[in-house]
Amino acid sequence: MTIEEKINYWINLSNSDFLVAETLLKNEHNLYSGFMCHQAVEKLFKAYYTKVKNDTPPYKHDLEYLAQQSGIYSFLSDEQIAFIEILNPLNIEARYPDYKNKLVQYLTNDRIGSIYTKTKELLQWIKEKI
């Protein structure tokens, strides 16, 4: 697989994840919409990493870590960094009931709508960097 094919692989996965996030949002599955927003950003960070490092991205889900390792972190605005801090816990790696319930309560319709919109903006920004 060429480097361009690897980059496109990550971009295509990100696009698919964001489409799923939109569908889940429309059906008020807020927790999983937030999870898919996280996934979409994660995969674009991995596309960026692949582009600049010409290597396989780390097997990590931490957005801040991926941004730092790829070098894109230094280009992020303070607002974008703050947003990544909001997205990071939405990875819901451990779906323990107490943690999941706290996220469900946090992700009101208004809040997930804002997260979706900010994710869309961040994805566009990352794509411009790629």
N, C-alpha and C. Protein backbone atom coordinates (compact mmCIF):
# COMPACT_ATOMS: atom_id res chain seq x y z
N MET A 1 0.85 -1.18 0.00
CA MET A 1 0.00 0.00 0.00
C MET A 1 0.90 1.24 0.00
N THR A 2 0.62 2.17 -0.89
CA THR A 2 1.41 3.41 -0.96
C THR A 2 1.04 4.32 0.21
N ILE A 3 1.85 5.32 0.44
CA ILE A 3 1.58 6.28 1.51
C ILE A 3 0.26 7.00 1.26
N GLU A 4 -0.01 7.36 0.01
CA GLU A 4 -1.28 8.03 -0.33
C GLU A 4 -2.47 7.11 -0.06
N GLU A 5 -2.33 5.85 -0.36
CA GLU A 5 -3.41 4.90 -0.08
C GLU A 5 -3.65 4.77 1.42
N LYS A 6 -2.59 4.78 2.20
CA LYS A 6 -2.73 4.72 3.66
C LYS A 6 -3.41 5.97 4.20
N ILE A 7 -3.01 7.11 3.68
CA ILE A 7 -3.64 8.37 4.11
C ILE A 7 -5.12 8.35 3.74
N ASN A 8 -5.44 7.95 2.52
CA ASN A 8 -6.83 7.88 2.08
C ASN A 8 -7.64 6.86 2.88
N TYR A 9 -6.99 5.79 3.29
CA TYR A 9 -7.65 4.79 4.13
C TYR A 9 -8.17 5.46 5.41
N TRP A 10 -7.30 6.22 6.09
CA TRP A 10 -7.69 6.89 7.33
C TRP A 10 -8.74 7.97 7.08
N ILE A 11 -8.59 8.71 5.99
CA ILE A 11 -9.57 9.76 5.66
C ILE A 11 -10.94 9.13 5.40
N ASN A 12 -10.98 8.06 4.65
CA ASN A 12 -12.25 7.40 4.34
C ASN A 12 -12.91 6.84 5.60
N LEU A 13 -12.12 6.27 6.50
CA LEU A 13 -12.69 5.79 7.76
C LEU A 13 -13.26 6.95 8.57
N SER A 14 -12.53 8.06 8.60
CA SER A 14 -13.00 9.23 9.32
C SER A 14 -14.32 9.74 8.74
N ASN A 15 -14.39 9.82 7.42
CA ASN A 15 -15.62 10.26 6.76
C ASN A 15 -16.80 9.35 7.12
N SER A 16 -16.56 8.05 7.11
CA SER A 16 -17.61 7.09 7.47
C SER A 16 -18.04 7.26 8.92
N ASP A 17 -17.06 7.40 9.81
CA ASP A 17 -17.39 7.57 11.23
C ASP A 17 -18.20 8.84 11.46
N PHE A 18 -17.87 9.90 10.75
CA PHE A 18 -18.60 11.14 10.95
C PHE A 18 -20.02 11.04 10.40
N LEU A 19 -20.20 10.31 9.33
CA LEU A 19 -21.54 10.07 8.80
C LEU A 19 -22.38 9.28 9.81
N VAL A 20 -21.77 8.30 10.44
CA VAL A 20 -22.46 7.53 11.49
C VAL A 20 -22.80 8.46 12.66
N ALA A 21 -21.87 9.34 13.04
CA ALA A 21 -22.14 10.30 14.12
C ALA A 21 -23.37 11.15 13.80
N GLU A 22 -23.48 11.57 12.55
CA GLU A 22 -24.63 12.38 12.13
C GLU A 22 -25.93 11.58 12.24
N THR A 23 -25.90 10.35 11.78
CA THR A 23 -27.09 9.50 11.84
C THR A 23 -27.51 9.27 13.29
N LEU A 24 -26.55 8.98 14.14
CA LEU A 24 -26.84 8.77 15.56
C LEU A 24 -27.37 10.03 16.21
N LEU A 25 -26.82 11.18 15.83
CA LEU A 25 -27.29 12.46 16.36
C LEU A 25 -28.76 12.69 16.00
N LYS A 26 -29.09 12.44 14.74
CA LYS A 26 -30.47 12.64 14.29
C LYS A 26 -31.45 11.74 15.04
N ASN A 27 -30.97 10.59 15.49
CA ASN A 27 -31.82 9.65 16.21
C ASN A 27 -31.65 9.75 17.73
N GLU A 28 -30.99 10.82 18.17
CA GLU A 28 -30.79 11.13 19.59
C GLU A 28 -30.07 10.03 20.37
N HIS A 29 -29.14 9.38 19.71
CA HIS A 29 -28.24 8.44 20.39
C HIS A 29 -26.96 9.21 20.71
N ASN A 30 -27.09 10.12 21.66
CA ASN A 30 -26.06 11.11 21.93
C ASN A 30 -24.72 10.50 22.36
N LEU A 31 -24.75 9.49 23.22
CA LEU A 31 -23.51 8.89 23.69
C LEU A 31 -22.70 8.34 22.52
N TYR A 32 -23.35 7.62 21.66
CA TYR A 32 -22.63 6.98 20.56
C TYR A 32 -22.32 7.96 19.43
N SER A 33 -23.10 9.01 19.31
CA SER A 33 -22.76 10.07 18.37
C SER A 33 -21.45 10.73 18.81
N GLY A 34 -21.34 11.00 20.10
CA GLY A 34 -20.11 11.59 20.63
C GLY A 34 -18.92 10.65 20.43
N PHE A 35 -19.14 9.37 20.64
CA PHE A 35 -18.09 8.38 20.43
C PHE A 35 -17.61 8.41 18.97
N MET A 36 -18.53 8.49 18.04
CA MET A 36 -18.17 8.48 16.62
C MET A 36 -17.50 9.81 16.21
N CYS A 37 -17.86 10.90 16.88
CA CYS A 37 -17.14 12.16 16.64
C CYS A 37 -15.68 11.99 17.05
N HIS A 38 -15.47 11.38 18.20
CA HIS A 38 -14.10 11.10 18.66
C HIS A 38 -13.37 10.25 17.62
N GLN A 39 -14.03 9.20 17.16
CA GLN A 39 -13.41 8.28 16.20
C GLN A 39 -13.03 9.00 14.90
N ALA A 40 -13.89 9.87 14.44
CA ALA A 40 -13.63 10.60 13.19
C ALA A 40 -12.38 11.48 13.32
N VAL A 41 -12.26 12.17 14.44
CA VAL A 41 -11.08 13.02 14.67
C VAL A 41 -9.84 12.16 14.84
N GLU A 42 -9.96 11.09 15.59
CA GLU A 42 -8.83 10.19 15.80
C GLU A 42 -8.26 9.72 14.46
N LYS A 43 -9.13 9.33 13.56
CA LYS A 43 -8.65 8.79 12.29
C LYS A 43 -8.03 9.85 11.40
N LEU A 44 -8.49 11.08 11.49
CA LEU A 44 -7.82 12.14 10.72
C LEU A 44 -6.47 12.48 11.33
N PHE A 45 -6.36 12.43 12.64
CA PHE A 45 -5.03 12.61 13.25
C PHE A 45 -4.09 11.51 12.77
N LYS A 46 -4.61 10.30 12.63
CA LYS A 46 -3.79 9.20 12.14
C LYS A 46 -3.43 9.39 10.67
N ALA A 47 -4.33 9.96 9.89
CA ALA A 47 -4.01 10.28 8.49
C ALA A 47 -2.90 11.31 8.44
N TYR A 48 -3.00 12.33 9.28
CA TYR A 48 -1.96 13.36 9.33
C TYR A 48 -0.63 12.76 9.76
N TYR A 49 -0.66 11.92 10.79
CA TYR A 49 0.55 11.26 11.27
C TYR A 49 1.20 10.47 10.13
N THR A 50 0.38 9.71 9.40
CA THR A 50 0.88 8.90 8.29
C THR A 50 1.55 9.78 7.24
N LYS A 51 0.93 10.93 6.98
CA LYS A 51 1.48 11.84 5.97
C LYS A 51 2.83 12.41 6.40
N VAL A 52 2.91 12.94 7.61
CA VAL A 52 4.13 13.64 8.01
C VAL A 52 5.24 12.70 8.48
N LYS A 53 4.88 11.55 9.01
CA LYS A 53 5.88 10.61 9.54
C LYS A 53 6.20 9.48 8.57
N ASN A 54 5.34 9.32 7.55
CA ASN A 54 5.51 8.23 6.59
C ASN A 54 5.65 6.90 7.34
N ASP A 55 4.78 6.72 8.32
CA ASP A 55 4.84 5.56 9.18
C ASP A 55 3.44 5.22 9.69
N THR A 56 3.31 4.06 10.27
CA THR A 56 2.04 3.64 10.86
C THR A 56 1.81 4.42 12.15
N PRO A 57 0.62 4.99 12.31
CA PRO A 57 0.35 5.76 13.54
C PRO A 57 0.30 4.84 14.76
N PRO A 58 0.51 5.42 15.93
CA PRO A 58 0.45 4.62 17.17
C PRO A 58 -0.93 4.00 17.37
N TYR A 59 -0.93 2.86 18.00
CA TYR A 59 -2.18 2.17 18.34
C TYR A 59 -2.74 2.77 19.63
N LYS A 60 -3.10 4.03 19.54
CA LYS A 60 -3.63 4.78 20.68
C LYS A 60 -4.93 5.45 20.26
N HIS A 61 -5.73 5.80 21.26
CA HIS A 61 -6.99 6.49 20.99
C HIS A 61 -7.02 7.88 21.61
N ASP A 62 -5.99 8.22 22.35
CA ASP A 62 -5.90 9.51 23.03
C ASP A 62 -5.62 10.60 22.00
N LEU A 63 -6.57 11.48 21.81
CA LEU A 63 -6.47 12.51 20.77
C LEU A 63 -5.30 13.46 21.01
N GLU A 64 -5.11 13.87 22.24
CA GLU A 64 -4.00 14.78 22.53
C GLU A 64 -2.66 14.11 22.22
N TYR A 65 -2.53 12.86 22.62
CA TYR A 65 -1.30 12.11 22.35
C TYR A 65 -1.06 12.00 20.84
N LEU A 66 -2.10 11.64 20.09
CA LEU A 66 -1.95 11.50 18.64
C LEU A 66 -1.59 12.83 17.99
N ALA A 67 -2.21 13.91 18.46
CA ALA A 67 -1.91 15.24 17.91
C ALA A 67 -0.46 15.62 18.21
N GLN A 68 -0.01 15.33 19.41
CA GLN A 68 1.36 15.65 19.77
C GLN A 68 2.36 14.82 18.97
N GLN A 69 2.09 13.52 18.87
CA GLN A 69 3.02 12.64 18.17
C GLN A 69 3.12 12.96 16.68
N SER A 70 2.02 13.43 16.11
CA SER A 70 2.02 13.74 14.68
C SER A 70 2.63 15.11 14.39
N GLY A 71 2.68 15.98 15.41
CA GLY A 71 3.20 17.32 15.23
C GLY A 71 2.12 18.35 14.93
N ILE A 72 0.88 17.92 14.77
CA ILE A 72 -0.19 18.87 14.45
C ILE A 72 -0.60 19.68 15.68
N TYR A 73 -0.27 19.17 16.86
CA TYR A 73 -0.66 19.83 18.11
C TYR A 73 -0.19 21.28 18.15
N SER A 74 1.01 21.52 17.66
CA SER A 74 1.57 22.89 17.72
C SER A 74 0.81 23.86 16.82
N PHE A 75 0.01 23.35 15.90
CA PHE A 75 -0.78 24.20 15.02
C PHE A 75 -2.20 24.43 15.54
N LEU A 76 -2.60 23.67 16.54
CA LEU A 76 -3.96 23.79 17.07
C LEU A 76 -4.12 25.08 17.86
N SER A 77 -5.27 25.70 17.75
CA SER A 77 -5.59 26.88 18.55
C SER A 77 -5.93 26.43 19.97
N ASP A 78 -5.94 27.37 20.89
CA ASP A 78 -6.34 27.05 22.26
C ASP A 78 -7.76 26.49 22.30
N GLU A 79 -8.62 27.03 21.46
CA GLU A 79 -10.01 26.55 21.40
C GLU A 79 -10.06 25.10 20.90
N GLN A 80 -9.26 24.78 19.90
CA GLN A 80 -9.22 23.41 19.39
C GLN A 80 -8.67 22.44 20.43
N ILE A 81 -7.66 22.87 21.16
CA ILE A 81 -7.10 22.03 22.22
C ILE A 81 -8.14 21.77 23.30
N ALA A 82 -8.87 22.82 23.68
CA ALA A 82 -9.93 22.66 24.68
C ALA A 82 -11.01 21.71 24.18
N PHE A 83 -11.31 21.78 22.90
CA PHE A 83 -12.33 20.89 22.34
C PHE A 83 -11.85 19.44 22.34
N ILE A 84 -10.58 19.21 22.03
CA ILE A 84 -10.02 17.86 22.07
C ILE A 84 -10.14 17.29 23.49
N GLU A 85 -9.97 18.14 24.48
CA GLU A 85 -10.11 17.70 25.88
C GLU A 85 -11.55 17.30 26.18
N ILE A 86 -12.51 17.90 25.49
CA ILE A 86 -13.92 17.50 25.64
C ILE A 86 -14.17 16.18 24.92
N LEU A 87 -13.60 16.03 23.73
CA LEU A 87 -13.81 14.81 22.94
C LEU A 87 -13.14 13.58 23.54
N ASN A 88 -11.98 13.75 24.12
CA ASN A 88 -11.18 12.60 24.57
C ASN A 88 -11.94 11.60 25.43
N PRO A 89 -12.68 12.03 26.44
CA PRO A 89 -13.39 11.05 27.28
C PRO A 89 -14.53 10.34 26.55
N LEU A 90 -14.92 10.84 25.39
CA LEU A 90 -16.02 10.22 24.66
C LEU A 90 -15.61 8.95 23.95
N ASN A 91 -14.34 8.59 24.04
CA ASN A 91 -13.86 7.34 23.47
C ASN A 91 -14.53 6.15 24.13
N ILE A 92 -14.98 6.32 25.33
CA ILE A 92 -15.66 5.29 26.13
C ILE A 92 -15.07 3.90 25.95
N GLU A 93 -13.74 3.82 26.12
CA GLU A 93 -13.07 2.52 26.06
C GLU A 93 -13.67 1.55 27.07
N ALA A 94 -13.79 2.00 28.29
CA ALA A 94 -14.38 1.16 29.32
C ALA A 94 -15.83 1.59 29.50
N ARG A 95 -16.73 0.73 29.14
CA ARG A 95 -18.14 1.09 29.19
C ARG A 95 -18.78 0.61 30.50
N TYR A 96 -18.16 0.99 31.62
CA TYR A 96 -18.72 0.64 32.91
C TYR A 96 -19.96 1.48 33.15
N PRO A 97 -20.97 0.89 33.79
CA PRO A 97 -22.27 1.57 33.95
C PRO A 97 -22.18 2.97 34.55
N ASP A 98 -21.41 3.15 35.63
CA ASP A 98 -21.35 4.47 36.27
C ASP A 98 -20.78 5.52 35.34
N TYR A 99 -19.69 5.16 34.66
CA TYR A 99 -19.04 6.10 33.73
C TYR A 99 -19.96 6.40 32.56
N LYS A 100 -20.56 5.37 32.02
CA LYS A 100 -21.46 5.54 30.88
C LYS A 100 -22.66 6.41 31.27
N ASN A 101 -23.21 6.19 32.43
CA ASN A 101 -24.36 6.99 32.88
C ASN A 101 -24.00 8.46 33.05
N LYS A 102 -22.81 8.74 33.55
CA LYS A 102 -22.37 10.13 33.68
C LYS A 102 -22.26 10.80 32.31
N LEU A 103 -21.72 10.05 31.34
CA LEU A 103 -21.61 10.60 29.98
C LEU A 103 -22.99 10.84 29.37
N VAL A 104 -23.90 9.92 29.57
CA VAL A 104 -25.26 10.07 29.04
C VAL A 104 -25.91 11.34 29.60
N GLN A 105 -25.74 11.57 30.90
CA GLN A 105 -26.31 12.77 31.52
C GLN A 105 -25.64 14.04 31.01
N TYR A 106 -24.35 13.97 30.76
CA TYR A 106 -23.58 15.12 30.26
C TYR A 106 -23.97 15.48 28.83
N LEU A 107 -24.23 14.47 28.01
CA LEU A 107 -24.46 14.70 26.58
C LEU A 107 -25.92 15.02 26.27
N THR A 108 -26.32 16.19 26.69
CA THR A 108 -27.67 16.67 26.36
C THR A 108 -27.76 16.90 24.85
N ASN A 109 -28.95 17.07 24.35
CA ASN A 109 -29.13 17.32 22.91
C ASN A 109 -28.38 18.57 22.47
N ASP A 110 -28.42 19.63 23.29
CA ASP A 110 -27.70 20.85 22.94
C ASP A 110 -26.19 20.63 22.94
N ARG A 111 -25.71 19.93 23.96
CA ARG A 111 -24.27 19.71 24.08
C ARG A 111 -23.75 18.85 22.92
N ILE A 112 -24.45 17.77 22.59
CA ILE A 112 -23.98 16.91 21.51
C ILE A 112 -24.11 17.62 20.16
N GLY A 113 -25.09 18.48 20.03
CA GLY A 113 -25.20 19.28 18.80
C GLY A 113 -23.99 20.19 18.63
N SER A 114 -23.55 20.78 19.72
CA SER A 114 -22.36 21.63 19.69
C SER A 114 -21.12 20.81 19.40
N ILE A 115 -21.01 19.65 20.02
CA ILE A 115 -19.86 18.77 19.78
C ILE A 115 -19.82 18.34 18.33
N TYR A 116 -20.95 18.01 17.77
CA TYR A 116 -21.02 17.60 16.37
C TYR A 116 -20.53 18.74 15.46
N THR A 117 -21.02 19.94 15.70
CA THR A 117 -20.65 21.10 14.88
C THR A 117 -19.15 21.39 14.99
N LYS A 118 -18.63 21.36 16.21
CA LYS A 118 -17.21 21.63 16.41
C LYS A 118 -16.34 20.52 15.81
N THR A 119 -16.85 19.29 15.86
CA THR A 119 -16.13 18.18 15.23
C THR A 119 -16.04 18.41 13.73
N LYS A 120 -17.14 18.81 13.14
CA LYS A 120 -17.16 19.07 11.69
C LYS A 120 -16.13 20.14 11.33
N GLU A 121 -16.07 21.19 12.11
CA GLU A 121 -15.10 22.28 11.87
C GLU A 121 -13.66 21.78 12.02
N LEU A 122 -13.42 20.99 13.07
CA LEU A 122 -12.07 20.47 13.30
C LEU A 122 -11.66 19.51 12.19
N LEU A 123 -12.58 18.66 11.76
CA LEU A 123 -12.26 17.73 10.68
C LEU A 123 -11.87 18.47 9.41
N GLN A 124 -12.61 19.53 9.10
CA GLN A 124 -12.29 20.32 7.91
C GLN A 124 -10.90 20.96 8.03
N TRP A 125 -10.60 21.46 9.22
CA TRP A 125 -9.30 22.09 9.47
C TRP A 125 -8.17 21.08 9.29
N ILE A 126 -8.35 19.88 9.86
CA ILE A 126 -7.31 18.84 9.73
C ILE A 126 -7.14 18.44 8.26
N LYS A 127 -8.23 18.29 7.56
CA LYS A 127 -8.15 17.91 6.13
C LYS A 127 -7.35 18.94 5.35
N GLU A 128 -7.52 20.20 5.69
CA GLU A 128 -6.74 21.25 5.01
C GLU A 128 -5.24 21.10 5.28
N LYS A 129 -4.89 20.59 6.47
CA LYS A 129 -3.49 20.37 6.82
C LYS A 129 -2.90 19.14 6.11
N ILE A 130 -3.78 18.20 5.81
CA ILE A 130 -3.33 16.97 5.13
C ILE A 130 -3.10 17.29 3.66
